[in-house]
């Protein structure tokens, strides 16, 4: 069964994980309030308010259902180092960095490439810059296996690798 999990940063900058809840702001009805509800086994109608953590909507990301080489869950907005094995007459290894995006038009998660270790993507796609390059869905990235991904940060905090 697919897990629907979200994460977001609270007002103190801490990451919280759970279910996403969006509510109208009673003081300003043109804005929504965004909460992560911590996972617990209490019915929603009796759930203590401390389990509703208000988060910055810009930091909300959904769990992709994938884990990296270190068994870390991969979320939308995570920065990844991706190691790809290809066979182009001989075995070729490629590495690149990117971040996870949700591709609305395809209803799937993908990677927006931000740094390549060689000119592979630009040669392969014909684009002149990485900024022009459209995100790739995970299924379009051939030569991947469970150890291909390493979470190295996310778009909301500095990269640690």
Protein backbone atom coordinates (compact mmCIF):
# COMPACT_ATOMS: atom_id res chain seq x y z
CA UNK A 1 0.00 0.00 0.00
CA UNK A 2 1.27 3.46 -0.87
CA UNK A 3 2.15 5.78 2.00
CA UNK A 4 0.98 9.37 1.80
CA UNK A 5 3.34 11.28 4.05
CA UNK A 6 4.34 14.92 4.09
CA UNK A 7 6.93 17.03 5.81
CA UNK A 8 7.27 20.74 6.42
CA UNK A 9 9.20 23.20 8.56
CA UNK A 10 7.51 24.72 11.58
CA UNK A 11 8.05 28.34 12.64
CA UNK A 12 11.25 27.37 14.51
CA UNK A 13 12.71 25.67 11.41
CA UNK A 14 12.21 22.12 12.70
CA UNK A 15 11.08 19.45 10.25
CA UNK A 16 7.84 17.70 11.14
CA UNK A 17 6.41 14.63 9.42
CA UNK A 18 2.87 13.31 9.09
CA UNK A 19 -0.35 14.08 7.25
CA UNK A 20 -1.08 17.41 5.58
CA UNK A 21 -4.08 19.45 6.69
CA UNK A 22 -5.10 22.75 5.05
CA UNK A 23 -7.53 25.07 6.81
CA UNK A 24 -8.94 28.53 6.04
CA UNK A 25 -7.43 31.31 8.13
CA UNK A 26 -10.27 32.73 10.27
CA UNK A 27 -8.49 36.11 10.50
CA UNK A 28 -7.73 36.38 6.77
CA UNK A 29 -9.99 34.19 4.64
CA UNK A 30 -7.87 34.82 1.53
CA UNK A 31 -5.07 32.75 3.06
CA UNK A 32 -4.88 29.14 4.13
CA UNK A 33 -3.12 27.73 7.17
CA UNK A 34 -1.04 24.59 6.63
CA UNK A 35 -0.53 21.95 9.29
CA UNK A 36 1.31 18.68 9.53
CA UNK A 37 -0.59 16.32 11.78
CA UNK A 38 1.75 14.01 13.62
CA UNK A 39 0.94 10.38 13.12
CA UNK A 40 -0.81 8.86 16.09
CA UNK A 41 -3.62 6.44 16.78
CA UNK A 42 -6.06 8.98 18.20
CA UNK A 43 -9.28 9.67 16.25
CA UNK A 44 -9.13 13.06 14.48
CA UNK A 45 -12.11 14.49 16.40
CA UNK A 46 -10.38 13.95 19.75
CA UNK A 47 -6.78 14.56 18.65
CA UNK A 48 -4.91 16.97 20.94
CA UNK A 49 -4.02 20.33 19.36
CA UNK A 50 -0.30 19.70 19.98
CA UNK A 51 -0.39 17.13 17.18
CA UNK A 52 -1.31 19.89 14.67
CA UNK A 53 1.94 21.68 13.81
CA UNK A 54 1.63 24.80 11.65
CA UNK A 55 4.20 24.76 8.85
CA UNK A 56 5.48 27.13 6.20
CA UNK A 57 3.62 26.13 3.00
CA UNK A 58 6.75 26.80 0.91
CA UNK A 59 8.55 23.95 2.71
CA UNK A 60 5.88 21.25 2.34
CA UNK A 61 6.98 18.18 0.42
CA UNK A 62 5.37 14.81 -0.20
CA UNK A 63 7.12 11.47 0.32
CA UNK A 64 7.97 9.87 -3.04
CA UNK A 65 7.76 6.30 -1.79
CA UNK A 66 11.50 5.89 -2.50
CA UNK A 67 14.42 5.59 -0.11
CA UNK A 68 18.06 6.39 -0.77
CA UNK A 69 21.14 4.17 -0.37
CA UNK A 70 21.17 4.94 3.38
CA UNK A 71 17.46 4.02 3.82
CA UNK A 72 16.51 7.73 4.10
CA UNK A 73 13.03 8.60 2.81
CA UNK A 74 13.10 10.81 -0.30
CA UNK A 75 10.71 13.78 -0.26
CA UNK A 76 9.72 16.40 -2.81
CA UNK A 77 12.30 19.19 -2.53
CA UNK A 78 15.17 16.91 -1.49
CA UNK A 79 18.55 17.48 -3.12
CA UNK A 80 19.97 14.24 -4.47
CA UNK A 81 23.27 12.91 -5.70
CA UNK A 82 22.35 10.36 -8.37
CA UNK A 83 24.68 7.64 -9.60
CA UNK A 84 23.61 6.13 -12.91
CA UNK A 85 24.97 3.01 -14.64
CA UNK A 86 24.54 3.02 -18.43
CA UNK A 87 25.62 0.69 -21.16
CA UNK A 88 26.70 2.49 -24.32
CA UNK A 89 28.75 -0.28 -25.91
CA UNK A 90 30.69 -0.41 -22.65
CA UNK A 91 29.54 0.22 -19.10
CA UNK A 92 29.46 3.93 -18.28
CA UNK A 93 28.87 5.53 -14.88
CA UNK A 94 27.37 9.02 -14.62
CA UNK A 95 26.77 11.18 -11.57
CA UNK A 96 24.70 14.31 -11.29
CA UNK A 97 22.88 16.40 -8.71
CA UNK A 98 19.31 17.56 -8.76
CA UNK A 99 16.24 18.05 -6.63
CA UNK A 100 12.96 16.18 -6.47
CA UNK A 101 9.92 17.83 -8.08
CA UNK A 102 6.34 16.77 -8.59
CA UNK A 103 5.56 16.78 -12.30
CA UNK A 104 1.93 17.93 -12.39
CA UNK A 105 1.45 17.22 -16.11
CA UNK A 106 2.53 13.59 -15.65
CA UNK A 107 1.27 13.00 -12.09
CA UNK A 108 4.65 11.63 -10.98
CA UNK A 109 7.84 12.61 -9.19
CA UNK A 110 10.98 13.51 -11.07
CA UNK A 111 14.37 15.20 -10.83
CA UNK A 112 15.37 18.67 -11.95
CA UNK A 113 19.08 18.37 -12.79
CA UNK A 114 21.12 21.19 -11.26
CA UNK A 115 24.70 19.98 -11.69
CA UNK A 116 26.30 17.40 -13.93
CA UNK A 117 29.71 15.88 -13.47
CA UNK A 118 30.28 15.91 -17.24
CA UNK A 119 28.32 17.24 -20.22
CA UNK A 120 26.09 14.16 -20.47
CA UNK A 121 22.63 15.72 -20.09
CA UNK A 122 23.32 18.63 -22.38
CA UNK A 123 24.81 16.34 -25.04
CA UNK A 124 21.98 13.83 -24.66
CA UNK A 125 19.09 16.32 -24.78
CA UNK A 126 20.49 19.03 -27.04
CA UNK A 127 19.84 21.83 -24.53
CA UNK A 128 22.51 24.47 -24.08
CA UNK A 129 22.08 25.05 -20.33
CA UNK A 130 20.76 23.03 -17.39
CA UNK A 131 18.23 25.78 -16.65
CA UNK A 132 16.49 24.99 -19.96
CA UNK A 133 16.45 21.27 -19.26
CA UNK A 134 13.03 19.95 -18.23
CA UNK A 135 12.79 17.63 -15.19
CA UNK A 136 13.10 13.89 -15.81
CA UNK A 137 10.65 11.46 -14.26
CA UNK A 138 12.32 8.75 -12.19
CA UNK A 139 11.19 6.19 -14.78
CA UNK A 140 13.08 8.09 -17.53
CA UNK A 141 16.38 7.81 -15.68
CA UNK A 142 17.77 4.48 -16.85
CA UNK A 143 20.43 2.49 -15.07
CA UNK A 144 19.20 3.22 -11.54
CA UNK A 145 19.04 0.82 -8.62
CA UNK A 146 18.36 1.10 -4.90
CA UNK A 147 21.83 2.53 -4.22
CA UNK A 148 21.64 5.16 -6.98
CA UNK A 149 20.22 7.93 -4.79
CA UNK A 150 21.78 9.77 -1.87
CA UNK A 151 19.88 12.57 -0.13
CA UNK A 152 22.38 15.42 0.35
CA UNK A 153 20.03 18.13 1.59
CA UNK A 154 16.93 19.90 0.37
CA UNK A 155 16.02 23.13 -1.38
CA UNK A 156 15.13 24.80 1.94
CA UNK A 157 18.42 24.20 3.78
CA UNK A 158 22.05 24.29 2.64
CA UNK A 159 23.47 21.18 0.98
CA UNK A 160 25.74 19.14 3.21
CA UNK A 161 27.70 17.39 0.44
